Protein backbone atom coordinates (compact mmCIF):
# COMPACT_ATOMS: atom_id res chain seq x y z
CA UNK A 1 0.00 0.00 0.00
CA UNK A 2 2.82 2.42 0.84
CA UNK A 3 4.54 1.70 -2.46
CA UNK A 4 1.39 2.53 -4.43
CA UNK A 5 0.99 5.81 -2.56
CA UNK A 6 4.62 6.78 -3.10
CA UNK A 7 4.40 5.89 -6.79
CA UNK A 8 1.25 7.97 -7.23
CA UNK A 9 2.86 10.92 -5.42
CA UNK A 10 5.96 10.76 -7.62
CA UNK A 11 3.87 10.57 -10.81
CA UNK A 12 1.77 13.52 -9.66
CA UNK A 13 4.88 15.63 -9.00
CA UNK A 14 6.36 14.71 -12.36
CA UNK A 15 3.29 15.89 -14.25
CA UNK A 16 2.47 18.99 -12.19
CA UNK A 17 5.85 20.09 -10.86
CA UNK A 18 6.34 21.51 -7.43
CA UNK A 19 6.71 25.16 -8.41
CA UNK A 20 10.31 25.78 -7.39
CA UNK A 21 11.07 27.56 -10.66
CA UNK A 22 8.08 29.84 -10.25
CA UNK A 23 9.08 30.70 -6.67
CA UNK A 24 12.63 31.53 -7.76
CA UNK A 25 11.38 33.66 -10.67
CA UNK A 26 8.83 35.63 -8.64
CA UNK A 27 11.23 38.22 -7.11
CA UNK A 28 12.73 38.96 -10.52
CA UNK A 29 9.33 39.41 -12.14
CA UNK A 30 8.15 41.66 -9.31
CA UNK A 31 11.34 43.75 -9.41
CA UNK A 32 11.01 44.05 -13.18
CA UNK A 33 7.46 45.34 -12.84
CA UNK A 34 8.55 47.93 -10.25
CA UNK A 35 11.52 49.05 -12.34
CA UNK A 36 9.25 49.47 -15.38
CA UNK A 37 7.47 52.24 -13.48
CA UNK A 38 10.57 54.34 -12.83
CA UNK A 39 12.94 53.35 -15.64
CA UNK A 40 12.72 52.62 -19.36
CA UNK A 41 10.80 49.47 -20.25
CA UNK A 42 13.94 47.80 -21.59
CA UNK A 43 15.51 47.70 -18.12
CA UNK A 44 12.43 46.29 -16.39
CA UNK A 45 11.81 43.80 -19.16
CA UNK A 46 15.39 42.58 -18.89
CA UNK A 47 14.97 41.96 -15.16
CA UNK A 48 11.68 40.16 -15.78
CA UNK A 49 13.42 38.15 -18.49
CA UNK A 50 15.88 36.83 -15.91
CA UNK A 51 12.89 35.50 -13.98
CA UNK A 52 11.49 33.85 -17.10
CA UNK A 53 14.83 32.19 -17.80
CA UNK A 54 15.09 30.96 -14.20
CA UNK A 55 11.56 29.58 -14.40
CA UNK A 56 12.37 27.74 -17.63
CA UNK A 57 15.78 26.51 -16.44
CA UNK A 58 14.51 24.92 -13.21
CA UNK A 59 12.54 21.90 -14.36
CA UNK A 60 10.65 21.28 -11.13
C-alpha atoms as a PDB file:
ATOM      1  CA  UNK A   1       0.000   0.000   0.000  1.00  0.00           C
ATOM      2  CA  UNK A   2       2.821   2.417   0.838  1.00  0.00           C
ATOM      3  CA  UNK A   3       4.545   1.705  -2.459  1.00  0.00           C
ATOM      4  CA  UNK A   4       1.390   2.533  -4.431  1.00  0.00           C
ATOM      5  CA  UNK A   5       0.994   5.806  -2.560  1.00  0.00           C
ATOM      6  CA  UNK A   6       4.623   6.777  -3.100  1.00  0.00           C
ATOM      7  CA  UNK A   7       4.404   5.893  -6.792  1.00  0.00           C
ATOM      8  CA  UNK A   8       1.252   7.974  -7.228  1.00  0.00           C
ATOM      9  CA  UNK A   9       2.861  10.922  -5.417  1.00  0.00           C
ATOM     10  CA  UNK A  10       5.959  10.762  -7.623  1.00  0.00           C
ATOM     11  CA  UNK A  11       3.874  10.568 -10.808  1.00  0.00           C
ATOM     12  CA  UNK A  12       1.767  13.520  -9.661  1.00  0.00           C
ATOM     13  CA  UNK A  13       4.881  15.627  -9.005  1.00  0.00           C
ATOM     14  CA  UNK A  14       6.364  14.708 -12.364  1.00  0.00           C
ATOM     15  CA  UNK A  15       3.291  15.889 -14.246  1.00  0.00           C
ATOM     16  CA  UNK A  16       2.474  18.986 -12.192  1.00  0.00           C
ATOM     17  CA  UNK A  17       5.848  20.085 -10.862  1.00  0.00           C
ATOM     18  CA  UNK A  18       6.335  21.515  -7.432  1.00  0.00           C
ATOM     19  CA  UNK A  19       6.709  25.158  -8.414  1.00  0.00           C
ATOM     20  CA  UNK A  20      10.314  25.783  -7.387  1.00  0.00           C
ATOM     21  CA  UNK A  21      11.072  27.564 -10.664  1.00  0.00           C
ATOM     22  CA  UNK A  22       8.076  29.843 -10.245  1.00  0.00           C
ATOM     23  CA  UNK A  23       9.076  30.704  -6.675  1.00  0.00           C
ATOM     24  CA  UNK A  24      12.630  31.531  -7.757  1.00  0.00           C
ATOM     25  CA  UNK A  25      11.382  33.660 -10.668  1.00  0.00           C
ATOM     26  CA  UNK A  26       8.832  35.630  -8.635  1.00  0.00           C
ATOM     27  CA  UNK A  27      11.227  38.219  -7.109  1.00  0.00           C
ATOM     28  CA  UNK A  28      12.734  38.965 -10.522  1.00  0.00           C
ATOM     29  CA  UNK A  29       9.331  39.411 -12.137  1.00  0.00           C
ATOM     30  CA  UNK A  30       8.152  41.663  -9.310  1.00  0.00           C
ATOM     31  CA  UNK A  31      11.335  43.748  -9.411  1.00  0.00           C
ATOM     32  CA  UNK A  32      11.013  44.052 -13.183  1.00  0.00           C
ATOM     33  CA  UNK A  33       7.458  45.345 -12.837  1.00  0.00           C
ATOM     34  CA  UNK A  34       8.550  47.926 -10.254  1.00  0.00           C
ATOM     35  CA  UNK A  35      11.522  49.047 -12.336  1.00  0.00           C
ATOM     36  CA  UNK A  36       9.254  49.466 -15.377  1.00  0.00           C
ATOM     37  CA  UNK A  37       7.466  52.237 -13.483  1.00  0.00           C
ATOM     38  CA  UNK A  38      10.572  54.342 -12.830  1.00  0.00           C
ATOM     39  CA  UNK A  39      12.944  53.345 -15.635  1.00  0.00           C
ATOM     40  CA  UNK A  40      12.718  52.617 -19.356  1.00  0.00           C
ATOM     41  CA  UNK A  41      10.802  49.468 -20.254  1.00  0.00           C
ATOM     42  CA  UNK A  42      13.942  47.796 -21.591  1.00  0.00           C
ATOM     43  CA  UNK A  43      15.505  47.705 -18.120  1.00  0.00           C
ATOM     44  CA  UNK A  44      12.431  46.289 -16.385  1.00  0.00           C
ATOM     45  CA  UNK A  45      11.807  43.796 -19.164  1.00  0.00           C
ATOM     46  CA  UNK A  46      15.395  42.578 -18.887  1.00  0.00           C
ATOM     47  CA  UNK A  47      14.973  41.959 -15.159  1.00  0.00           C
ATOM     48  CA  UNK A  48      11.682  40.156 -15.782  1.00  0.00           C
ATOM     49  CA  UNK A  49      13.417  38.150 -18.490  1.00  0.00           C
ATOM     50  CA  UNK A  50      15.879  36.835 -15.909  1.00  0.00           C
ATOM     51  CA  UNK A  51      12.891  35.502 -13.980  1.00  0.00           C
ATOM     52  CA  UNK A  52      11.494  33.855 -17.097  1.00  0.00           C
ATOM     53  CA  UNK A  53      14.834  32.191 -17.799  1.00  0.00           C
ATOM     54  CA  UNK A  54      15.090  30.960 -14.204  1.00  0.00           C
ATOM     55  CA  UNK A  55      11.555  29.579 -14.400  1.00  0.00           C
ATOM     56  CA  UNK A  56      12.374  27.736 -17.627  1.00  0.00           C
ATOM     57  CA  UNK A  57      15.781  26.508 -16.436  1.00  0.00           C
ATOM     58  CA  UNK A  58      14.513  24.918 -13.215  1.00  0.00           C
ATOM     59  CA  UNK A  59      12.536  21.898 -14.360  1.00  0.00           C
ATOM     60  CA  UNK A  60      10.654  21.280 -11.127  1.00  0.00           C
END
